[in-house]
């Protein structure tokens, strides 16, 4: 999958890995939440270009990944994080994936987003 990402960066689909990571998190959220509305501009176009039939390597990888337990783990990590149990969410990531794993990095971004959201909503309005 990293080869596919690097190829898409080389071809100009993504300007860098950070942009790809933002897209990956948005894509993951659309898979976990039926009613999630992506905030990334041109999400549908990027999704079609990056994961459509024009890129069979990515499509094959996505199909294989979806059959695994990653989405289940992602759902559980997100659930813990949005409920304020950040420690359990991080423990789930650490016990299932190596720290340098792309999956761990994506899940860490989900936890970070949930923690940031909680801080914003927990701060009383002045």
N, C-alpha and C. Protein backbone atom coordinates (compact mmCIF):
# COMPACT_ATOMS: atom_id res chain seq x y z
N UNK A 1 0.83 -1.19 0.00
CA UNK A 1 0.00 0.00 0.00
C UNK A 1 0.87 1.25 0.00
N UNK A 2 2.00 1.19 0.71
CA UNK A 2 2.89 2.35 0.71
C UNK A 2 3.40 2.66 -0.69
N UNK A 3 3.65 1.61 -1.47
CA UNK A 3 4.07 1.82 -2.86
C UNK A 3 2.98 2.53 -3.65
N UNK A 4 1.73 2.17 -3.40
CA UNK A 4 0.61 2.81 -4.09
C UNK A 4 0.54 4.28 -3.70
N UNK A 5 0.70 4.58 -2.39
CA UNK A 5 0.67 5.97 -1.92
C UNK A 5 1.80 6.76 -2.56
N UNK A 6 3.02 6.22 -2.53
CA UNK A 6 4.16 6.92 -3.13
C UNK A 6 3.94 7.16 -4.62
N UNK A 7 3.35 6.19 -5.31
CA UNK A 7 3.06 6.34 -6.73
C UNK A 7 2.07 7.49 -6.94
N UNK A 8 1.05 7.55 -6.09
CA UNK A 8 0.05 8.61 -6.23
C UNK A 8 0.63 9.98 -5.89
N UNK A 9 1.57 10.03 -4.97
CA UNK A 9 2.25 11.29 -4.67
C UNK A 9 3.08 11.71 -5.89
N UNK A 10 3.82 10.74 -6.46
CA UNK A 10 4.64 11.02 -7.65
C UNK A 10 3.78 11.50 -8.82
N UNK A 11 2.58 10.96 -8.94
CA UNK A 11 1.68 11.32 -10.04
C UNK A 11 0.88 12.58 -9.75
N UNK A 12 1.02 13.14 -8.54
CA UNK A 12 0.33 14.38 -8.21
C UNK A 12 -1.05 14.20 -7.62
N UNK A 13 -1.48 12.97 -7.36
CA UNK A 13 -2.79 12.75 -6.75
C UNK A 13 -2.82 13.34 -5.33
N UNK A 14 -1.74 13.15 -4.60
CA UNK A 14 -1.56 13.75 -3.28
C UNK A 14 -0.26 14.53 -3.32
N UNK A 15 -0.23 15.69 -2.66
CA UNK A 15 0.99 16.50 -2.68
C UNK A 15 2.05 15.94 -1.74
N UNK A 16 1.62 15.21 -0.69
CA UNK A 16 2.56 14.63 0.26
C UNK A 16 1.84 13.57 1.10
N UNK A 17 2.58 12.90 1.98
CA UNK A 17 1.97 11.85 2.80
C UNK A 17 0.96 12.41 3.79
N UNK A 18 1.17 13.63 4.24
CA UNK A 18 0.24 14.25 5.18
C UNK A 18 -1.15 14.41 4.54
N UNK A 19 -1.17 14.84 3.30
CA UNK A 19 -2.45 14.97 2.59
C UNK A 19 -3.12 13.60 2.44
N UNK A 20 -2.31 12.58 2.13
CA UNK A 20 -2.86 11.24 2.04
C UNK A 20 -3.44 10.79 3.38
N UNK A 21 -2.74 11.09 4.48
CA UNK A 21 -3.22 10.69 5.80
C UNK A 21 -4.55 11.36 6.12
N UNK A 22 -4.70 12.64 5.77
CA UNK A 22 -5.98 13.32 5.99
C UNK A 22 -7.10 12.62 5.21
N UNK A 23 -6.80 12.28 3.95
CA UNK A 23 -7.79 11.56 3.15
C UNK A 23 -8.10 10.20 3.78
N UNK A 24 -7.07 9.47 4.22
CA UNK A 24 -7.26 8.13 4.80
C UNK A 24 -8.15 8.18 6.03
N UNK A 25 -7.96 9.18 6.88
CA UNK A 25 -8.81 9.31 8.07
C UNK A 25 -10.25 9.60 7.67
N UNK A 26 -10.44 10.50 6.72
CA UNK A 26 -11.80 10.80 6.24
C UNK A 26 -12.45 9.55 5.65
N UNK A 27 -11.69 8.81 4.85
CA UNK A 27 -12.21 7.59 4.25
C UNK A 27 -12.60 6.58 5.32
N UNK A 28 -11.75 6.40 6.31
CA UNK A 28 -12.04 5.47 7.40
C UNK A 28 -13.31 5.87 8.13
N UNK A 29 -13.47 7.14 8.40
CA UNK A 29 -14.67 7.61 9.09
C UNK A 29 -15.93 7.37 8.26
N UNK A 30 -15.84 7.51 6.94
CA UNK A 30 -17.01 7.23 6.11
C UNK A 30 -17.37 5.74 6.15
N UNK A 31 -16.37 4.88 6.37
CA UNK A 31 -16.63 3.45 6.46
C UNK A 31 -17.22 3.06 7.82
N UNK A 32 -16.88 3.83 8.85
CA UNK A 32 -17.35 3.51 10.21
C UNK A 32 -18.69 4.15 10.54
N UNK A 33 -18.95 5.29 9.97
CA UNK A 33 -20.17 6.05 10.27
C UNK A 33 -20.98 6.25 9.00
N UNK A 34 -22.16 5.68 8.95
CA UNK A 34 -23.00 5.81 7.76
C UNK A 34 -23.34 7.27 7.44
N UNK A 35 -23.50 8.08 8.46
CA UNK A 35 -23.93 9.45 8.26
C UNK A 35 -22.78 10.46 8.31
N UNK A 36 -21.53 9.98 8.30
CA UNK A 36 -20.40 10.90 8.36
C UNK A 36 -20.28 11.65 7.05
N UNK A 37 -20.11 12.97 7.14
CA UNK A 37 -19.97 13.82 5.97
C UNK A 37 -18.52 14.33 5.93
N UNK A 38 -17.72 13.87 4.99
CA UNK A 38 -16.32 14.27 4.94
C UNK A 38 -16.16 15.78 4.83
N UNK A 39 -15.15 16.30 5.52
CA UNK A 39 -14.88 17.74 5.49
C UNK A 39 -13.81 18.10 4.47
N UNK A 40 -13.10 17.11 3.97
CA UNK A 40 -12.03 17.33 3.00
C UNK A 40 -12.64 17.77 1.67
N UNK A 41 -12.14 18.89 1.16
CA UNK A 41 -12.62 19.38 -0.14
C UNK A 41 -12.35 18.35 -1.22
N UNK A 42 -13.28 18.16 -2.10
CA UNK A 42 -13.16 17.23 -3.23
C UNK A 42 -12.92 15.79 -2.79
N UNK A 43 -13.48 15.40 -1.65
CA UNK A 43 -13.29 14.04 -1.12
C UNK A 43 -13.73 12.99 -2.14
N UNK A 44 -14.90 13.17 -2.72
CA UNK A 44 -15.42 12.15 -3.65
C UNK A 44 -14.52 11.99 -4.88
N UNK A 45 -14.00 13.11 -5.40
CA UNK A 45 -13.12 13.03 -6.56
C UNK A 45 -11.81 12.33 -6.20
N UNK A 46 -11.26 12.67 -5.03
CA UNK A 46 -10.02 12.03 -4.60
C UNK A 46 -10.25 10.55 -4.37
N UNK A 47 -11.36 10.22 -3.77
CA UNK A 47 -11.69 8.81 -3.52
C UNK A 47 -11.77 8.04 -4.83
N UNK A 48 -12.45 8.60 -5.80
CA UNK A 48 -12.59 7.93 -7.10
C UNK A 48 -11.23 7.75 -7.77
N UNK A 49 -10.42 8.81 -7.74
CA UNK A 49 -9.11 8.72 -8.37
C UNK A 49 -8.18 7.76 -7.63
N UNK A 50 -8.21 7.81 -6.30
CA UNK A 50 -7.27 7.01 -5.51
C UNK A 50 -7.70 5.56 -5.37
N UNK A 51 -8.99 5.32 -5.28
CA UNK A 51 -9.47 3.96 -4.99
C UNK A 51 -10.33 3.36 -6.08
N UNK A 52 -10.56 4.11 -7.14
CA UNK A 52 -11.44 3.63 -8.20
C UNK A 52 -10.82 2.53 -9.03
N UNK A 53 -11.53 2.12 -10.02
CA UNK A 53 -11.08 1.02 -10.87
C UNK A 53 -9.84 1.39 -11.67
N UNK A 54 -9.53 2.68 -11.76
CA UNK A 54 -8.32 3.08 -12.48
C UNK A 54 -7.06 2.67 -11.73
N UNK A 55 -7.21 2.33 -10.46
CA UNK A 55 -6.06 1.93 -9.66
C UNK A 55 -6.32 0.55 -9.06
N UNK A 56 -6.13 -0.52 -9.83
CA UNK A 56 -6.47 -1.86 -9.36
C UNK A 56 -5.65 -2.31 -8.16
N UNK A 57 -4.39 -1.84 -8.02
CA UNK A 57 -3.58 -2.23 -6.87
C UNK A 57 -4.22 -1.72 -5.58
N UNK A 58 -4.66 -0.47 -5.56
CA UNK A 58 -5.29 0.09 -4.37
C UNK A 58 -6.62 -0.60 -4.10
N UNK A 59 -7.41 -0.82 -5.13
CA UNK A 59 -8.70 -1.48 -4.95
C UNK A 59 -8.54 -2.88 -4.35
N UNK A 60 -7.53 -3.61 -4.84
CA UNK A 60 -7.27 -4.96 -4.31
C UNK A 60 -6.85 -4.89 -2.85
N UNK A 61 -6.00 -3.92 -2.52
CA UNK A 61 -5.54 -3.77 -1.14
C UNK A 61 -6.70 -3.42 -0.22
N UNK A 62 -7.56 -2.50 -0.66
CA UNK A 62 -8.71 -2.09 0.16
C UNK A 62 -9.60 -3.28 0.42
N UNK A 63 -9.89 -4.07 -0.60
CA UNK A 63 -10.75 -5.24 -0.43
C UNK A 63 -10.15 -6.21 0.59
N UNK A 64 -8.85 -6.45 0.52
CA UNK A 64 -8.18 -7.33 1.47
C UNK A 64 -8.21 -6.75 2.88
N UNK A 65 -7.95 -5.45 3.01
CA UNK A 65 -7.93 -4.80 4.33
C UNK A 65 -9.30 -4.82 4.97
N UNK A 66 -10.35 -4.63 4.18
CA UNK A 66 -11.69 -4.60 4.75
C UNK A 66 -12.12 -5.96 5.26
N UNK A 67 -11.53 -7.02 4.74
CA UNK A 67 -11.90 -8.34 5.21
C UNK A 67 -11.22 -8.68 6.52
N UNK A 68 -10.24 -7.88 6.92
CA UNK A 68 -9.51 -8.11 8.17
C UNK A 68 -10.23 -7.49 9.35
N UNK A 69 -9.51 -7.39 10.44
CA UNK A 69 -10.12 -6.87 11.66
C UNK A 69 -9.81 -5.39 11.90
N UNK A 70 -9.15 -4.72 10.94
CA UNK A 70 -8.78 -3.33 11.16
C UNK A 70 -9.98 -2.43 11.41
N UNK A 71 -11.02 -2.56 10.59
CA UNK A 71 -12.19 -1.69 10.79
C UNK A 71 -12.86 -1.95 12.14
N UNK A 72 -12.88 -3.20 12.56
CA UNK A 72 -13.42 -3.51 13.89
C UNK A 72 -12.60 -2.86 14.99
N UNK A 73 -11.29 -2.95 14.85
CA UNK A 73 -10.40 -2.31 15.82
C UNK A 73 -10.58 -0.80 15.79
N UNK A 74 -10.67 -0.24 14.60
CA UNK A 74 -10.85 1.21 14.46
C UNK A 74 -12.15 1.66 15.12
N UNK A 75 -13.20 0.90 14.93
CA UNK A 75 -14.47 1.23 15.56
C UNK A 75 -14.39 1.21 17.07
N UNK A 76 -13.72 0.21 17.60
CA UNK A 76 -13.57 0.10 19.06
C UNK A 76 -12.68 1.22 19.61
N UNK A 77 -11.58 1.52 18.91
CA UNK A 77 -10.70 2.61 19.33
C UNK A 77 -11.46 3.93 19.34
N UNK A 78 -12.20 4.19 18.28
CA UNK A 78 -12.98 5.43 18.19
C UNK A 78 -14.02 5.50 19.30
N UNK A 79 -14.70 4.38 19.54
CA UNK A 79 -15.72 4.35 20.58
C UNK A 79 -15.12 4.70 21.95
N UNK A 80 -14.01 4.08 22.27
CA UNK A 80 -13.35 4.39 23.55
C UNK A 80 -12.94 5.85 23.61
N UNK A 81 -12.36 6.34 22.52
CA UNK A 81 -11.85 7.71 22.51
C UNK A 81 -12.96 8.74 22.68
N UNK A 82 -14.06 8.59 21.96
CA UNK A 82 -15.13 9.58 22.07
C UNK A 82 -15.85 9.51 23.41
N UNK A 83 -15.73 8.40 24.10
CA UNK A 83 -16.31 8.26 25.44
C UNK A 83 -15.36 8.71 26.54
N UNK A 84 -14.19 9.20 26.12
CA UNK A 84 -13.25 9.72 27.09
C UNK A 84 -12.26 8.73 27.65
N UNK A 85 -12.31 7.50 27.19
CA UNK A 85 -11.39 6.47 27.67
C UNK A 85 -10.19 6.39 26.73
N UNK A 86 -9.42 7.46 26.72
CA UNK A 86 -8.27 7.59 25.82
C UNK A 86 -7.23 6.52 26.12
N UNK A 87 -7.02 6.22 27.39
CA UNK A 87 -6.01 5.22 27.77
C UNK A 87 -6.32 3.85 27.16
N UNK A 88 -7.58 3.42 27.23
CA UNK A 88 -7.96 2.13 26.65
C UNK A 88 -7.81 2.16 25.14
N UNK A 89 -8.19 3.28 24.51
CA UNK A 89 -8.06 3.41 23.05
C UNK A 89 -6.60 3.25 22.64
N UNK A 90 -5.70 3.92 23.36
CA UNK A 90 -4.27 3.81 23.02
C UNK A 90 -3.73 2.42 23.31
N UNK A 91 -4.23 1.80 24.37
CA UNK A 91 -3.79 0.44 24.68
C UNK A 91 -4.20 -0.54 23.58
N UNK A 92 -5.40 -0.37 23.05
CA UNK A 92 -5.86 -1.22 21.94
C UNK A 92 -4.91 -1.09 20.74
N UNK A 93 -4.55 0.13 20.43
CA UNK A 93 -3.64 0.36 19.30
C UNK A 93 -2.29 -0.29 19.58
N UNK A 94 -1.76 -0.04 20.76
CA UNK A 94 -0.42 -0.54 21.10
C UNK A 94 -0.34 -2.06 21.14
N UNK A 95 -1.43 -2.72 21.53
CA UNK A 95 -1.38 -4.18 21.62
C UNK A 95 -1.62 -4.86 20.27
N UNK A 96 -2.19 -4.15 19.32
CA UNK A 96 -2.51 -4.78 18.03
C UNK A 96 -1.59 -4.40 16.89
N UNK A 97 -0.91 -3.25 17.00
CA UNK A 97 -0.09 -2.78 15.88
C UNK A 97 1.25 -2.25 16.38
N UNK A 98 2.27 -2.43 15.57
CA UNK A 98 3.59 -1.87 15.87
C UNK A 98 3.51 -0.34 15.81
N UNK A 99 4.30 0.36 16.60
CA UNK A 99 4.24 1.83 16.62
C UNK A 99 4.47 2.48 15.26
N UNK A 100 5.25 1.85 14.39
CA UNK A 100 5.52 2.44 13.08
C UNK A 100 4.57 1.95 11.99
N UNK A 101 3.55 1.21 12.38
CA UNK A 101 2.57 0.70 11.43
C UNK A 101 1.67 1.84 10.93
N UNK A 102 1.40 1.89 9.62
CA UNK A 102 0.47 2.91 9.10
C UNK A 102 -0.91 2.82 9.76
N UNK A 103 -1.33 1.62 10.08
CA UNK A 103 -2.63 1.46 10.74
C UNK A 103 -2.60 2.09 12.13
N UNK A 104 -1.51 1.90 12.86
CA UNK A 104 -1.38 2.51 14.19
C UNK A 104 -1.40 4.03 14.07
N UNK A 105 -0.74 4.56 13.05
CA UNK A 105 -0.69 6.00 12.86
C UNK A 105 -2.08 6.57 12.58
N UNK A 106 -2.85 5.89 11.75
CA UNK A 106 -4.21 6.34 11.44
C UNK A 106 -5.07 6.29 12.70
N UNK A 107 -4.97 5.21 13.45
CA UNK A 107 -5.76 5.08 14.68
C UNK A 107 -5.34 6.14 15.70
N UNK A 108 -4.05 6.45 15.78
CA UNK A 108 -3.59 7.51 16.68
C UNK A 108 -4.21 8.85 16.31
N UNK A 109 -4.35 9.10 15.01
CA UNK A 109 -4.99 10.34 14.56
C UNK A 109 -6.46 10.39 14.99
N UNK A 110 -7.13 9.26 14.98
CA UNK A 110 -8.52 9.21 15.43
C UNK A 110 -8.60 9.54 16.91
N UNK A 111 -7.71 8.94 17.71
CA UNK A 111 -7.69 9.20 19.15
C UNK A 111 -7.36 10.68 19.41
N UNK A 112 -6.38 11.20 18.69
CA UNK A 112 -6.01 12.60 18.86
C UNK A 112 -7.18 13.52 18.54
N UNK A 113 -7.91 13.21 17.47
CA UNK A 113 -9.07 14.02 17.11
C UNK A 113 -10.16 13.96 18.16
N UNK A 114 -10.39 12.78 18.72
CA UNK A 114 -11.41 12.64 19.77
C UNK A 114 -11.00 13.40 21.02
N UNK A 115 -9.72 13.32 21.39
CA UNK A 115 -9.23 14.02 22.57
C UNK A 115 -9.35 15.53 22.41
N UNK A 116 -9.02 16.03 21.21
CA UNK A 116 -9.12 17.46 20.93
C UNK A 116 -10.56 17.91 20.99
N UNK A 117 -11.46 17.13 20.45
CA UNK A 117 -12.89 17.46 20.48
C UNK A 117 -13.39 17.52 21.91
N UNK A 118 -12.97 16.57 22.75
CA UNK A 118 -13.39 16.56 24.14
C UNK A 118 -12.90 17.79 24.88
N UNK A 119 -11.67 18.21 24.61
CA UNK A 119 -11.13 19.40 25.26
C UNK A 119 -11.93 20.64 24.87
N UNK A 120 -12.30 20.73 23.61
CA UNK A 120 -13.08 21.88 23.15
C UNK A 120 -14.48 21.91 23.75
N UNK A 121 -15.11 20.74 23.87
CA UNK A 121 -16.46 20.69 24.41
C UNK A 121 -16.48 20.75 25.93
N UNK A 122 -15.36 20.40 26.58
CA UNK A 122 -15.30 20.41 28.04
C UNK A 122 -14.98 21.80 28.58
N UNK A 123 -14.43 22.67 27.75
CA UNK A 123 -14.09 24.01 28.17
C UNK A 123 -15.35 24.86 28.23
N UNK A 124 -15.67 25.44 29.39
CA UNK A 124 -16.90 26.25 29.49
C UNK A 124 -16.78 27.52 28.67
N UNK A 125 -17.88 27.91 28.08
CA UNK A 125 -17.91 29.15 27.28
C UNK A 125 -17.81 30.32 28.22
N UNK A 126 -17.03 31.30 27.83
CA UNK A 126 -16.88 32.48 28.67
C UNK A 126 -17.65 33.64 28.13
